[in-house]
Amino acid sequence: VGVVAMALPGRPQPWPVHLMRRGASLAAAAAASIYALG
C-alpha cells in the first residue's frame, strides 16, 4: 500500500528514494513470509 501510495498526488519528495525504501520493506516482508512458511 505504501508503494502504491507513491503514485498518488502529494507524495513525499524526493519520491524515488521513498519508493525504493518502501519497495525494500515490501521485498523484505515478502521474503520473511515465504521463508517462515517453509
Full PDB file with SEQRES, HELIX, SHEET, SSBOND, CRYST1, ORIGX, SCALE, CONECT and MASTER records, all heavy atoms in Angstrom:
SEQRES   1 A   38  VAL GLY VAL VAL ALA MET ALA LEU PRO GLY ARG PRO GLN          
SEQRES   2 A   38  PRO TRP PRO VAL HIS LEU MET ARG ARG GLY ALA SER LEU          
SEQRES   3 A   38  ALA ALA ALA ALA ALA ALA SER ILE TYR ALA LEU GLY              
HELIX    1 AA1 GLY A    2  ALA A    5  1                                   4    
HELIX    2 AA2 TRP A   15  LEU A   37  1                                  23    
CRYST1    1.000    1.000    1.000  90.00  90.00  90.00 P 1           1          
ORIGX1      1.000000  0.000000  0.000000        0.00000                         
ORIGX2      0.000000  1.000000  0.000000        0.00000                         
ORIGX3      0.000000  0.000000  1.000000        0.00000                         
SCALE1      1.000000  0.000000  0.000000        0.00000                         
SCALE2      0.000000  1.000000  0.000000        0.00000                         
SCALE3      0.000000  0.000000  1.000000        0.00000                         
ATOM      1  N   VAL A   1       0.846  -1.198   0.000  1.00  0.00           N  
ATOM      2  CA  VAL A   1       0.000   0.000   0.000  1.00  0.00           C  
ATOM      3  C   VAL A   1       0.880   1.247   0.000  1.00  0.00           C  
ATOM      4  O   VAL A   1       0.594   2.223  -0.693  1.00  0.00           O  
ATOM      5  CB  VAL A   1      -0.973  -0.013   1.204  1.00  0.00           C  
ATOM      6  CG1 VAL A   1      -1.658   1.327   1.384  1.00  0.00           C  
ATOM      7  CG2 VAL A   1      -2.003  -1.111   1.028  1.00  0.00           C  
ATOM      8  N   GLY A   2       1.975   1.211   0.747  1.00  0.00           N  
ATOM      9  CA  GLY A   2       2.913   2.328   0.756  1.00  0.00           C  
ATOM     10  C   GLY A   2       3.557   2.558  -0.596  1.00  0.00           C  
ATOM     11  O   GLY A   2       3.775   3.697  -1.013  1.00  0.00           O  
ATOM     12  N   VAL A   3       3.866   1.487  -1.302  1.00  0.00           N  
ATOM     13  CA  VAL A   3       4.444   1.607  -2.647  1.00  0.00           C  
ATOM     14  C   VAL A   3       3.424   2.201  -3.609  1.00  0.00           C  
ATOM     15  O   VAL A   3       3.739   3.102  -4.391  1.00  0.00           O  
ATOM     16  CB  VAL A   3       4.950   0.234  -3.149  1.00  0.00           C  
ATOM     17  CG1 VAL A   3       5.297   0.274  -4.616  1.00  0.00           C  
ATOM     18  CG2 VAL A   3       6.154  -0.214  -2.336  1.00  0.00           C  
ATOM     19  N   VAL A   4       2.186   1.721  -3.536  1.00  0.00           N  
ATOM     20  CA  VAL A   4       1.136   2.239  -4.416  1.00  0.00           C  
ATOM     21  C   VAL A   4       0.837   3.704  -4.102  1.00  0.00           C  
ATOM     22  O   VAL A   4       0.539   4.502  -4.995  1.00  0.00           O  
ATOM     23  CB  VAL A   4      -0.137   1.365  -4.304  1.00  0.00           C  
ATOM     24  CG1 VAL A   4      -1.308   1.997  -5.027  1.00  0.00           C  
ATOM     25  CG2 VAL A   4       0.135  -0.029  -4.861  1.00  0.00           C  
ATOM     26  N   ALA A   5       0.962   4.084  -2.835  1.00  0.00           N  
ATOM     27  CA  ALA A   5       0.691   5.470  -2.442  1.00  0.00           C  
ATOM     28  C   ALA A   5       1.655   6.448  -3.100  1.00  0.00           C  
ATOM     29  O   ALA A   5       1.343   7.639  -3.214  1.00  0.00           O  
ATOM     30  CB  ALA A   5       0.757   5.606  -0.923  1.00  0.00           C  
ATOM     31  N   MET A   6       2.789   5.964  -3.551  1.00  0.00           N  
ATOM     32  CA  MET A   6       3.747   6.843  -4.220  1.00  0.00           C  
ATOM     33  C   MET A   6       3.225   7.334  -5.565  1.00  0.00           C  
ATOM     34  O   MET A   6       3.733   8.302  -6.112  1.00  0.00           O  
ATOM     35  CB  MET A   6       5.089   6.130  -4.406  1.00  0.00           C  
ATOM     36  CG  MET A   6       5.782   5.788  -3.105  1.00  0.00           C  
ATOM     37  SD  MET A   6       6.028   7.186  -2.015  1.00  0.00           S  
ATOM     38  CE  MET A   6       7.119   8.183  -2.968  1.00  0.00           C  
ATOM     39  N   ALA A   7       2.208   6.695  -6.113  1.00  0.00           N  
ATOM     40  CA  ALA A   7       1.632   7.120  -7.390  1.00  0.00           C  
ATOM     41  C   ALA A   7       0.575   8.206  -7.203  1.00  0.00           C  
ATOM     42  O   ALA A   7       0.155   8.833  -8.169  1.00  0.00           O  
ATOM     43  CB  ALA A   7       1.016   5.925  -8.114  1.00  0.00           C  
ATOM     44  N   LEU A   8       0.174   8.445  -5.978  1.00  0.00           N  
ATOM     45  CA  LEU A   8      -0.880   9.419  -5.702  1.00  0.00           C  
ATOM     46  C   LEU A   8      -0.299  10.822  -5.555  1.00  0.00           C  
ATOM     47  O   LEU A   8       0.872  10.989  -5.210  1.00  0.00           O  
ATOM     48  CB  LEU A   8      -1.628   9.022  -4.430  1.00  0.00           C  
ATOM     49  CG  LEU A   8      -2.283   7.638  -4.456  1.00  0.00           C  
ATOM     50  CD1 LEU A   8      -2.863   7.322  -3.092  1.00  0.00           C  
ATOM     51  CD2 LEU A   8      -3.339   7.560  -5.534  1.00  0.00           C  
ATOM     52  N   PRO A   9      -1.121  11.843  -5.796  1.00  0.00           N  
ATOM     53  CA  PRO A   9      -0.626  13.208  -5.588  1.00  0.00           C  
ATOM     54  C   PRO A   9      -0.314  13.455  -4.113  1.00  0.00           C  
ATOM     55  O   PRO A   9      -0.889  12.843  -3.228  1.00  0.00           O  
ATOM     56  CB  PRO A   9      -1.797  14.094  -6.033  1.00  0.00           C  
ATOM     57  CG  PRO A   9      -2.831  13.200  -6.608  1.00  0.00           C  
ATOM     58  CD  PRO A   9      -2.467  11.788  -6.301  1.00  0.00           C  
ATOM     59  N   GLY A  10       0.631  14.361  -3.871  1.00  0.00           N  
ATOM     60  CA  GLY A  10       1.018  14.678  -2.511  1.00  0.00           C  
ATOM     61  C   GLY A  10       2.069  13.747  -1.957  1.00  0.00           C  
ATOM     62  O   GLY A  10       2.287  13.701  -0.750  1.00  0.00           O  
ATOM     63  N   ARG A  11       2.724  13.003  -2.820  1.00  0.00           N  
ATOM     64  CA  ARG A  11       3.755  12.068  -2.359  1.00  0.00           C  
ATOM     65  C   ARG A  11       4.965  12.843  -1.834  1.00  0.00           C  
ATOM     66  O   ARG A  11       5.242  13.962  -2.264  1.00  0.00           O  
ATOM     67  CB  ARG A  11       4.156  11.124  -3.473  1.00  0.00           C  
ATOM     68  CG  ARG A  11       4.744  11.805  -4.670  1.00  0.00           C  
ATOM     69  CD  ARG A  11       5.068  10.772  -5.752  1.00  0.00           C  
ATOM     70  NE  ARG A  11       5.446  11.460  -6.967  1.00  0.00           N  
ATOM     71  CZ  ARG A  11       4.724  11.474  -8.072  1.00  0.00           C  
ATOM     72  NH1 ARG A  11       3.584  10.817  -8.117  1.00  0.00           N  
ATOM     73  NH2 ARG A  11       5.133  12.110  -9.128  1.00  0.00           N  
ATOM     74  N   PRO A  12       5.714  12.243  -0.891  1.00  0.00           N  
ATOM     75  CA  PRO A  12       6.872  12.937  -0.329  1.00  0.00           C  
ATOM     76  C   PRO A  12       7.989  13.086  -1.367  1.00  0.00           C  
ATOM     77  O   PRO A  12       8.104  12.274  -2.283  1.00  0.00           O  
ATOM     78  CB  PRO A  12       7.306  12.042   0.827  1.00  0.00           C  
ATOM     79  CG  PRO A  12       6.715  10.718   0.544  1.00  0.00           C  
ATOM     80  CD  PRO A  12       5.501  10.945  -0.292  1.00  0.00           C  
ATOM     81  N   GLN A  13       8.768  14.113  -1.197  1.00  0.00           N  
ATOM     82  CA  GLN A  13       9.891  14.357  -2.103  1.00  0.00           C  
ATOM     83  C   GLN A  13      11.190  14.080  -1.355  1.00  0.00           C  
ATOM     84  O   GLN A  13      11.265  14.331  -0.168  1.00  0.00           O  
ATOM     85  CB  GLN A  13       9.856  15.799  -2.613  1.00  0.00           C  
ATOM     86  CG  GLN A  13       8.667  16.113  -3.492  1.00  0.00           C  
ATOM     87  CD  GLN A  13       8.638  15.305  -4.773  1.00  0.00           C  
ATOM     88  OE1 GLN A  13       9.672  14.991  -5.348  1.00  0.00           O  
ATOM     89  NE2 GLN A  13       7.444  14.941  -5.220  1.00  0.00           N  
ATOM     90  N   PRO A  14      12.189  13.587  -1.934  1.00  0.00           N  
ATOM     91  CA  PRO A  14      12.306  13.067  -3.293  1.00  0.00           C  
ATOM     92  C   PRO A  14      11.629  11.702  -3.379  1.00  0.00           C  
ATOM     93  O   PRO A  14      11.981  10.773  -2.661  1.00  0.00           O  
ATOM     94  CB  PRO A  14      13.811  12.968  -3.509  1.00  0.00           C  
ATOM     95  CG  PRO A  14      14.380  12.753  -2.147  1.00  0.00           C  
ATOM     96  CD  PRO A  14      13.460  13.487  -1.200  1.00  0.00           C  
ATOM     97  N   TRP A  15      10.667  11.573  -4.237  1.00  0.00           N  
ATOM     98  CA  TRP A  15       9.848  10.374  -4.279  1.00  0.00           C  
ATOM     99  C   TRP A  15      10.585   9.123  -4.725  1.00  0.00           C  
ATOM    100  O   TRP A  15      10.259   8.032  -4.257  1.00  0.00           O  
ATOM    101  CB  TRP A  15       8.578  10.593  -5.095  1.00  0.00           C  
ATOM    102  CG  TRP A  15       8.780  10.784  -6.557  1.00  0.00           C  
ATOM    103  CD1 TRP A  15       8.957  11.952  -7.221  1.00  0.00           C  
ATOM    104  CD2 TRP A  15       8.825   9.754  -7.541  1.00  0.00           C  
ATOM    105  NE1 TRP A  15       9.116  11.727  -8.551  1.00  0.00           N  
ATOM    106  CE2 TRP A  15       9.040  10.375  -8.786  1.00  0.00           C  
ATOM    107  CE3 TRP A  15       8.716   8.370  -7.505  1.00  0.00           C  
ATOM    108  CZ2 TRP A  15       9.151   9.669  -9.973  1.00  0.00           C  
ATOM    109  CZ3 TRP A  15       8.823   7.659  -8.685  1.00  0.00           C  
ATOM    110  CH2 TRP A  15       9.031   8.321  -9.896  1.00  0.00           C  
ATOM    111  N   PRO A  16      11.607   9.168  -5.606  1.00  0.00           N  
ATOM    112  CA  PRO A  16      12.278   7.903  -5.951  1.00  0.00           C  
ATOM    113  C   PRO A  16      12.942   7.231  -4.742  1.00  0.00           C  
ATOM    114  O   PRO A  16      12.920   6.011  -4.614  1.00  0.00           O  
ATOM    115  CB  PRO A  16      13.321   8.311  -6.985  1.00  0.00           C  
ATOM    116  CG  PRO A  16      12.792   9.572  -7.586  1.00  0.00           C  
ATOM    117  CD  PRO A  16      12.102  10.267  -6.461  1.00  0.00           C  
ATOM    118  N   VAL A  17      13.505   8.034  -3.846  1.00  0.00           N  
ATOM    119  CA  VAL A  17      14.150   7.466  -2.663  1.00  0.00           C  
ATOM    120  C   VAL A  17      13.108   6.807  -1.762  1.00  0.00           C  
ATOM    121  O   VAL A  17      13.300   5.697  -1.272  1.00  0.00           O  
ATOM    122  CB  VAL A  17      14.936   8.559  -1.896  1.00  0.00           C  
ATOM    123  CG1 VAL A  17      15.472   8.017  -0.582  1.00  0.00           C  
ATOM    124  CG2 VAL A  17      16.056   9.096  -2.755  1.00  0.00           C  
ATOM    125  N   HIS A  18      11.990   7.480  -1.560  1.00  0.00           N  
ATOM    126  CA  HIS A  18      10.924   6.910  -0.728  1.00  0.00           C  
ATOM    127  C   HIS A  18      10.354   5.648  -1.372  1.00  0.00           C  
ATOM    128  O   HIS A  18      10.045   4.673  -0.674  1.00  0.00           O  
ATOM    129  CB  HIS A  18       9.811   7.940  -0.513  1.00  0.00           C  
ATOM    130  CG  HIS A  18      10.212   9.064   0.375  1.00  0.00           C  
ATOM    131  ND1 HIS A  18      10.338   8.921   1.742  1.00  0.00           N  
ATOM    132  CD2 HIS A  18      10.540  10.350   0.105  1.00  0.00           C  
ATOM    133  CE1 HIS A  18      10.720  10.057   2.268  1.00  0.00           C  
ATOM    134  NE2 HIS A  18      10.852  10.953   1.297  1.00  0.00           N  
ATOM    135  N   LEU A  19      10.217   5.668  -2.687  1.00  0.00           N  
ATOM    136  CA  LEU A  19       9.711   4.492  -3.393  1.00  0.00           C  
ATOM    137  C   LEU A  19      10.660   3.308  -3.216  1.00  0.00           C  
ATOM    138  O   LEU A  19      10.220   2.185  -2.962  1.00  0.00           O  
ATOM    139  CB  LEU A  19       9.507   4.807  -4.877  1.00  0.00           C  
ATOM    140  CG  LEU A  19       8.979   3.668  -5.735  1.00  0.00           C  
ATOM    141  CD1 LEU A  19       7.589   3.248  -5.279  1.00  0.00           C  
ATOM    142  CD2 LEU A  19       8.958   4.077  -7.203  1.00  0.00           C  
ATOM    143  N   MET A  20      11.955   3.569  -3.315  1.00  0.00           N  
ATOM    144  CA  MET A  20      12.928   2.483  -3.156  1.00  0.00           C  
ATOM    145  C   MET A  20      12.921   1.944  -1.719  1.00  0.00           C  
ATOM    146  O   MET A  20      13.014   0.730  -1.521  1.00  0.00           O  
ATOM    147  CB  MET A  20      14.317   2.970  -3.542  1.00  0.00           C  
ATOM    148  CG  MET A  20      14.451   3.247  -5.039  1.00  0.00           C  
ATOM    149  SD  MET A  20      16.034   3.934  -5.481  1.00  0.00           S  
ATOM    150  CE  MET A  20      17.026   2.466  -5.490  1.00  0.00           C  
ATOM    151  N   ARG A  21      12.797   2.825  -0.745  1.00  0.00           N  
ATOM    152  CA  ARG A  21      12.747   2.367   0.652  1.00  0.00           C  
ATOM    153  C   ARG A  21      11.499   1.535   0.909  1.00  0.00           C  
ATOM    154  O   ARG A  21      11.544   0.510   1.584  1.00  0.00           O  
ATOM    155  CB  ARG A  21      12.785   3.561   1.596  1.00  0.00           C  
ATOM    156  CG  ARG A  21      14.136   4.207   1.681  1.00  0.00           C  
ATOM    157  CD  ARG A  21      14.132   5.362   2.641  1.00  0.00           C  
ATOM    158  NE  ARG A  21      15.427   6.005   2.634  1.00  0.00           N  
ATOM    159  CZ  ARG A  21      15.620   7.264   2.946  1.00  0.00           C  
ATOM    160  NH1 ARG A  21      14.589   8.022   3.312  1.00  0.00           N  
ATOM    161  NH2 ARG A  21      16.815   7.784   2.927  1.00  0.00           N  
ATOM    162  N   ARG A  22      10.381   1.997   0.388  1.00  0.00           N  
ATOM    163  CA  ARG A  22       9.140   1.233   0.579  1.00  0.00           C  
ATOM    164  C   ARG A  22       9.176  -0.086  -0.186  1.00  0.00           C  
ATOM    165  O   ARG A  22       8.669  -1.100   0.291  1.00  0.00           O  
ATOM    166  CB  ARG A  22       7.948   2.082   0.160  1.00  0.00           C  
ATOM    167  CG  ARG A  22       7.722   3.236   1.106  1.00  0.00           C  
ATOM    168  CD  ARG A  22       6.620   4.134   0.678  1.00  0.00           C  
ATOM    169  NE  ARG A  22       6.499   5.258   1.605  1.00  0.00           N  
ATOM    170  CZ  ARG A  22       5.531   6.134   1.558  1.00  0.00           C  
ATOM    171  NH1 ARG A  22       4.581   6.047   0.636  1.00  0.00           N  
ATOM    172  NH2 ARG A  22       5.491   7.125   2.422  1.00  0.00           N  
ATOM    173  N   GLY A  23       9.765  -0.070  -1.350  1.00  0.00           N  
ATOM    174  CA  GLY A  23       9.926  -1.319  -2.107  1.00  0.00           C  
ATOM    175  C   GLY A  23      10.836  -2.296  -1.383  1.00  0.00           C  
ATOM    176  O   GLY A  23      10.603  -3.514  -1.393  1.00  0.00           O  
ATOM    177  N   ALA A  24      11.869  -1.774  -0.730  1.00  0.00           N  
ATOM    178  CA  ALA A  24      12.780  -2.630   0.040  1.00  0.00           C  
ATOM    179  C   ALA A  24      12.052  -3.280   1.208  1.00  0.00           C  
ATOM    180  O   ALA A  24      12.225  -4.478   1.480  1.00  0.00           O  
ATOM    181  CB  ALA A  24      13.970  -1.813   0.544  1.00  0.00           C  
ATOM    182  N   SER A  25      11.201  -2.505   1.886  1.00  0.00           N  
ATOM    183  CA  SER A  25      10.459  -3.091   3.008  1.00  0.00           C  
ATOM    184  C   SER A  25       9.429  -4.115   2.515  1.00  0.00           C  
ATOM    185  O   SER A  25       9.198  -5.129   3.161  1.00  0.00           O  
ATOM    186  CB  SER A  25       9.795  -2.009   3.857  1.00  0.00           C  
ATOM    187  OG  SER A  25       8.852  -1.295   3.105  1.00  0.00           O  
ATOM    188  N   LEU A  26       8.842  -3.856   1.350  1.00  0.00           N  
ATOM    189  CA  LEU A  26       7.906  -4.822   0.759  1.00  0.00           C  
ATOM    190  C   LEU A  26       8.619  -6.132   0.433  1.00  0.00           C  
ATOM    191  O   LEU A  26       8.137  -7.216   0.773  1.00  0.00           O  
ATOM    192  CB  LEU A  26       7.265  -4.232  -0.500  1.00  0.00           C  
ATOM    193  CG  LEU A  26       6.440  -5.181  -1.365  1.00  0.00           C  
ATOM    194  CD1 LEU A  26       5.242  -5.697  -0.597  1.00  0.00           C  
ATOM    195  CD2 LEU A  26       5.994  -4.479  -2.633  1.00  0.00           C  
ATOM    196  N   ALA A  27       9.773  -6.044  -0.207  1.00  0.00           N  
ATOM    197  CA  ALA A  27      10.520  -7.251  -0.571  1.00  0.00           C  
ATOM    198  C   ALA A  27      10.973  -8.009   0.677  1.00  0.00           C  
ATOM    199  O   ALA A  27      10.908  -9.248   0.717  1.00  0.00           O  
ATOM    200  CB  ALA A  27      11.718  -6.886  -1.442  1.00  0.00           C  
ATOM    201  N   ALA A  28      11.416  -7.293   1.693  1.00  0.00           N  
ATOM    202  CA  ALA A  28      11.870  -7.951   2.924  1.00  0.00           C  
ATOM    203  C   ALA A  28      10.721  -8.663   3.632  1.00  0.00           C  
ATOM    204  O   ALA A  28      10.873  -9.805   4.097  1.00  0.00           O  
ATOM    205  CB  ALA A  28      12.508  -6.922   3.857  1.00  0.00           C  
ATOM    206  N   ALA A  29       9.570  -8.020   3.702  1.00  0.00           N  
ATOM    207  CA  ALA A  29       8.421  -8.655   4.367  1.00  0.00           C  
ATOM    208  C   ALA A  29       7.929  -9.868   3.578  1.00  0.00           C  
ATOM    209  O   ALA A  29       7.567 -10.889   4.169  1.00  0.00           O  
ATOM    210  CB  ALA A  29       7.288  -7.642   4.535  1.00  0.00           C  
ATOM    211  N   ALA A  30       7.938  -9.777   2.255  1.00  0.00           N  
ATOM    212  CA  ALA A  30       7.519 -10.917   1.436  1.00  0.00           C  
ATOM    213  C   ALA A  30       8.501 -12.074   1.576  1.00  0.00           C  
ATOM    214  O   ALA A  30       8.091 -13.239   1.677  1.00  0.00           O  
ATOM    215  CB  ALA A  30       7.383 -10.496  -0.025  1.00  0.00           C  
ATOM    216  N   ALA A  31       9.800 -11.769   1.605  1.00  0.00           N  
ATOM    217  CA  ALA A  31      10.808 -12.825   1.794  1.00  0.00           C  
ATOM    218  C   ALA A  31      10.646 -13.492   3.153  1.00  0.00           C  
ATOM    219  O   ALA A  31      10.719 -14.720   3.262  1.00  0.00           O  
ATOM    220  CB  ALA A  31      12.215 -12.243   1.652  1.00  0.00           C  
ATOM    221  N   ALA A  32      10.402 -12.700   4.179  1.00  0.00           N  
ATOM    222  CA  ALA A  32      10.206 -13.259   5.520  1.00  0.00           C  
ATOM    223  C   ALA A  32       8.963 -14.135   5.581  1.00  0.00           C  
ATOM    224  O   ALA A  32       8.966 -15.189   6.222  1.00  0.00           O  
ATOM    225  CB  ALA A  32      10.107 -12.133   6.550  1.00  0.00           C  
ATOM    226  N   SER A  33       7.907 -13.734   4.897  1.00  0.00           N  
ATOM    227  CA  SER A  33       6.673 -14.516   4.886  1.00  0.00           C  
ATOM    228  C   SER A  33       6.881 -15.875   4.223  1.00  0.00           C  
ATOM    229  O   SER A  33       6.472 -16.911   4.750  1.00  0.00           O  
ATOM    230  CB  SER A  33       5.574 -13.740   4.164  1.00  0.00           C  
ATOM    231  OG  SER A  33       4.395 -14.491   4.100  1.00  0.00           O  
ATOM    232  N   ILE A  34       7.535 -15.870   3.079  1.00  0.00           N  
ATOM    233  CA  ILE A  34       7.775 -17.133   2.363  1.00  0.00           C  
ATOM    234  C   ILE A  34       8.716 -18.035   3.154  1.00  0.00           C  
ATOM    235  O   ILE A  34       8.490 -19.241   3.284  1.00  0.00           O  
ATOM    236  CB  ILE A  34       8.328 -16.854   0.956  1.00  0.00           C  
ATOM    237  CG1 ILE A  34       7.224 -16.224   0.091  1.00  0.00           C  
ATOM    238  CG2 ILE A  34       8.850 -18.120   0.303  1.00  0.00           C  
ATOM    239  CD1 ILE A  34       7.692 -15.723  -1.241  1.00  0.00           C  
ATOM    240  N   TYR A  35       9.779 -17.458   3.706  1.00  0.00           N  
ATOM    241  CA  TYR A  35      10.724 -18.267   4.473  1.00  0.00           C  
ATOM    242  C   TYR A  35      10.067 -18.838   5.726  1.00  0.00           C  
ATOM    243  O   TYR A  35      10.290 -19.999   6.069  1.00  0.00           O  
ATOM    244  CB  TYR A  35      11.966 -17.445   4.846  1.00  0.00           C  
ATOM    245  CG  TYR A  35      12.985 -18.289   5.550  1.00  0.00           C  
ATOM    246  CD1 TYR A  35      13.808 -19.151   4.828  1.00  0.00           C  
ATOM    247  CD2 TYR A  35      13.102 -18.275   6.925  1.00  0.00           C  
ATOM    248  CE1 TYR A  35      14.722 -19.961   5.470  1.00  0.00           C  
ATOM    249  CE2 TYR A  35      14.008 -19.075   7.577  1.00  0.00           C  
ATOM    250  CZ  TYR A  35      14.822 -19.920   6.848  1.00  0.00           C  
ATOM    251  OH  TYR A  35      15.718 -20.733   7.490  1.00  0.00           O  
ATOM    252  N   ALA A  36       9.263 -18.036   6.415  1.00  0.00           N  
ATOM    253  CA  ALA A  36       8.586 -18.526   7.623  1.00  0.00           C  
ATOM    254  C   ALA A  36       7.651 -19.680   7.298  1.00  0.00           C  
ATOM    255  O   ALA A  36       7.571 -20.659   8.043  1.00  0.00           O  
ATOM    256  CB  ALA A  36       7.821 -17.395   8.300  1.00  0.00           C  
ATOM    257  N   LEU A  37       6.953 -19.584   6.184  1.00  0.00           N  
ATOM    258  CA  LEU A  37       6.054 -20.661   5.764  1.00  0.00           C  
ATOM    259  C   LEU A  37       6.834 -21.961   5.543  1.00  0.00           C  
ATOM    260  O   LEU A  37       6.453 -23.025   6.036  1.00  0.00           O  
ATOM    261  CB  LEU A  37       5.310 -20.250   4.495  1.00  0.00           C  
ATOM    262  CG  LEU A  37       4.178 -21.132   4.035  1.00  0.00           C  
ATOM    263  CD1 LEU A  37       3.062 -21.145   5.064  1.00  0.00           C  
ATOM    264  CD2 LEU A  37       3.645 -20.635   2.701  1.00  0.00           C  
ATOM    265  N   GLY A  38       7.957 -21.876   4.839  1.00  0.00           N  
ATOM    266  CA  GLY A  38       8.784 -23.058   4.603  1.00  0.00           C  
ATOM    267  C   GLY A  38       9.457 -23.571   5.856  1.00  0.00           C  
ATOM    268  O   GLY A  38       9.559 -24.783   6.071  1.00  0.00           O  
TER     269      GLY A  38                                                      
MASTER        0    0    0    2    0    0    0    6  268    1    0    3          
END                                                                             
